[in-house]
Amino acid sequence: MTKNITLAVDAEVLQRARVVAAIRRTSVSELVRGFLKGLTEAEVPVEKDEAREALLKLIDESPYRMGDWRPSRSDTYSGDPRFD
């Protein structure tokens, strides 16, 4: 089921979007719909979410713990530049 939304855009942006839509033989609504679909699929891909859940489960079920030890700043940073 589709839902209607209302957007406020600059007149110049809307005019350019209409030109792009005309060139692609589609509508501005279809351009926005495609953009939002691509945006949401890129942000929350199912595979990454499943991989994240598997890693969190592995962490929770692992018998190994770090304990009280933490690396010191000098252990972590040598002071040498890491990038040129």
C-alpha atoms as a PDB file:
ATOM      1  CA  MET A   1       0.000   0.000   0.000  1.00  0.00           C
ATOM      2  CA  THR A   2       1.382   3.405  -0.906  1.00  0.00           C
ATOM      3  CA  LYS A   3       1.124   6.516   1.247  1.00  0.00           C
ATOM      4  CA  ASN A   4       1.119  10.115   0.094  1.00  0.00           C
ATOM      5  CA  ILE A   5       3.628  12.555   1.544  1.00  0.00           C
ATOM      6  CA  THR A   6       4.055  16.292   1.183  1.00  0.00           C
ATOM      7  CA  LEU A   7       7.496  17.743   0.530  1.00  0.00           C
ATOM      8  CA  ALA A   8       8.714  21.307   0.512  1.00  0.00           C
ATOM      9  CA  VAL A   9      11.551  21.929  -1.953  1.00  0.00           C
ATOM     10  CA  ASP A  10      13.037  24.972  -3.612  1.00  0.00           C
ATOM     11  CA  ALA A  11      11.397  25.926  -6.904  1.00  0.00           C
ATOM     12  CA  GLU A  12      14.744  25.511  -8.706  1.00  0.00           C
ATOM     13  CA  VAL A  13      15.187  21.982  -7.343  1.00  0.00           C
ATOM     14  CA  LEU A  14      11.653  21.028  -8.352  1.00  0.00           C
ATOM     15  CA  GLN A  15      12.156  22.411 -11.861  1.00  0.00           C
ATOM     16  CA  ARG A  16      15.387  20.425 -12.271  1.00  0.00           C
ATOM     17  CA  ALA A  17      13.694  17.298 -10.909  1.00  0.00           C
ATOM     18  CA  ARG A  18      10.905  17.706 -13.471  1.00  0.00           C
ATOM     19  CA  VAL A  19      13.480  17.952 -16.258  1.00  0.00           C
ATOM     20  CA  VAL A  20      15.266  14.813 -15.019  1.00  0.00           C
ATOM     21  CA  ALA A  21      11.933  12.995 -14.739  1.00  0.00           C
ATOM     22  CA  ALA A  22      10.969  14.020 -18.262  1.00  0.00           C
ATOM     23  CA  ILE A  23      14.302  12.845 -19.657  1.00  0.00           C
ATOM     24  CA  ARG A  24      13.817   9.502 -17.900  1.00  0.00           C
ATOM     25  CA  ARG A  25      10.156   9.371 -18.981  1.00  0.00           C
ATOM     26  CA  THR A  26       8.901   9.079 -15.428  1.00  0.00           C
ATOM     27  CA  SER A  27       7.460  11.333 -12.734  1.00  0.00           C
ATOM     28  CA  VAL A  28       9.018  13.306  -9.903  1.00  0.00           C
ATOM     29  CA  SER A  29       7.074  11.053  -7.529  1.00  0.00           C
ATOM     30  CA  GLU A  30       8.711   7.989  -9.063  1.00  0.00           C
ATOM     31  CA  LEU A  31      12.149   9.604  -8.742  1.00  0.00           C
ATOM     32  CA  VAL A  32      11.524  10.308  -5.045  1.00  0.00           C
ATOM     33  CA  ARG A  33      10.108   6.820  -4.512  1.00  0.00           C
ATOM     34  CA  GLY A  34      13.189   5.251  -6.114  1.00  0.00           C
ATOM     35  CA  PHE A  35      15.530   7.479  -4.119  1.00  0.00           C
ATOM     36  CA  LEU A  36      13.867   6.620  -0.801  1.00  0.00           C
ATOM     37  CA  LYS A  37      13.814   2.915  -1.618  1.00  0.00           C
ATOM     38  CA  GLY A  38      17.518   2.927  -2.487  1.00  0.00           C
ATOM     39  CA  LEU A  39      18.356   4.970   0.588  1.00  0.00           C
ATOM     40  CA  THR A  40      16.543   2.661   2.985  1.00  0.00           C
ATOM     41  CA  GLU A  41      17.908  -0.506   1.409  1.00  0.00           C
ATOM     42  CA  ALA A  42      21.457   0.862   1.622  1.00  0.00           C
ATOM     43  CA  GLU A  43      21.038   1.887   5.267  1.00  0.00           C
ATOM     44  CA  VAL A  44      19.550  -1.329   6.618  1.00  0.00           C
ATOM     45  CA  PRO A  45      20.553  -4.279   4.462  1.00  0.00           C
ATOM     46  CA  VAL A  46      19.073  -7.532   5.747  1.00  0.00           C
ATOM     47  CA  GLU A  47      22.334  -9.467   5.380  1.00  0.00           C
ATOM     48  CA  LYS A  48      24.279  -7.041   7.559  1.00  0.00           C
ATOM     49  CA  ASP A  49      21.565  -7.072  10.196  1.00  0.00           C
ATOM     50  CA  GLU A  50      21.644 -10.879  10.281  1.00  0.00           C
ATOM     51  CA  ALA A  51      25.452 -10.864  10.477  1.00  0.00           C
ATOM     52  CA  ARG A  52      25.331  -8.327  13.308  1.00  0.00           C
ATOM     53  CA  GLU A  53      22.860 -10.457  15.249  1.00  0.00           C
ATOM     54  CA  ALA A  54      25.040 -13.545  14.754  1.00  0.00           C
ATOM     55  CA  LEU A  55      28.118 -11.692  16.046  1.00  0.00           C
ATOM     56  CA  LEU A  56      26.274 -10.377  19.090  1.00  0.00           C
ATOM     57  CA  LYS A  57      25.022 -13.886  19.839  1.00  0.00           C
ATOM     58  CA  LEU A  58      28.569 -15.231  19.533  1.00  0.00           C
ATOM     59  CA  ILE A  59      29.846 -12.565  21.941  1.00  0.00           C
ATOM     60  CA  ASP A  60      27.122 -13.352  24.468  1.00  0.00           C
ATOM     61  CA  GLU A  61      27.649 -17.112  24.278  1.00  0.00           C
ATOM     62  CA  SER A  62      31.454 -17.040  24.274  1.00  0.00           C
ATOM     63  CA  PRO A  63      33.042 -18.401  27.473  1.00  0.00           C
ATOM     64  CA  TYR A  64      36.054 -16.128  26.986  1.00  0.00           C
ATOM     65  CA  ARG A  65      36.227 -12.745  28.642  1.00  0.00           C
ATOM     66  CA  MET A  66      38.776  -9.966  28.663  1.00  0.00           C
ATOM     67  CA  GLY A  67      38.717  -9.682  32.436  1.00  0.00           C
ATOM     68  CA  ASP A  68      40.092  -6.555  34.080  1.00  0.00           C
ATOM     69  CA  TRP A  69      42.975  -6.104  31.642  1.00  0.00           C
ATOM     70  CA  ARG A  70      42.820  -3.116  29.316  1.00  0.00           C
ATOM     71  CA  PRO A  71      45.582  -1.894  27.015  1.00  0.00           C
ATOM     72  CA  SER A  72      47.371   1.245  28.173  1.00  0.00           C
ATOM     73  CA  ARG A  73      47.588   4.325  25.997  1.00  0.00           C
ATOM     74  CA  SER A  74      51.282   3.664  25.358  1.00  0.00           C
ATOM     75  CA  ASP A  75      50.457   0.086  24.304  1.00  0.00           C
ATOM     76  CA  THR A  76      47.814   1.355  21.926  1.00  0.00           C
ATOM     77  CA  TYR A  77      49.569   4.423  20.487  1.00  0.00           C
ATOM     78  CA  SER A  78      53.225   4.373  19.583  1.00  0.00           C
ATOM     79  CA  GLY A  79      53.345   8.096  18.881  1.00  0.00           C
ATOM     80  CA  ASP A  80      54.539   7.455  15.325  1.00  0.00           C
ATOM     81  CA  PRO A  81      52.378   8.914  12.576  1.00  0.00           C
ATOM     82  CA  ARG A  82      50.052   6.249  11.207  1.00  0.00           C
ATOM     83  CA  PHE A  83      49.301   7.956   7.911  1.00  0.00           C
ATOM     84  CA  ASP A  84      51.407   9.956   5.498  1.00  0.00           C
END
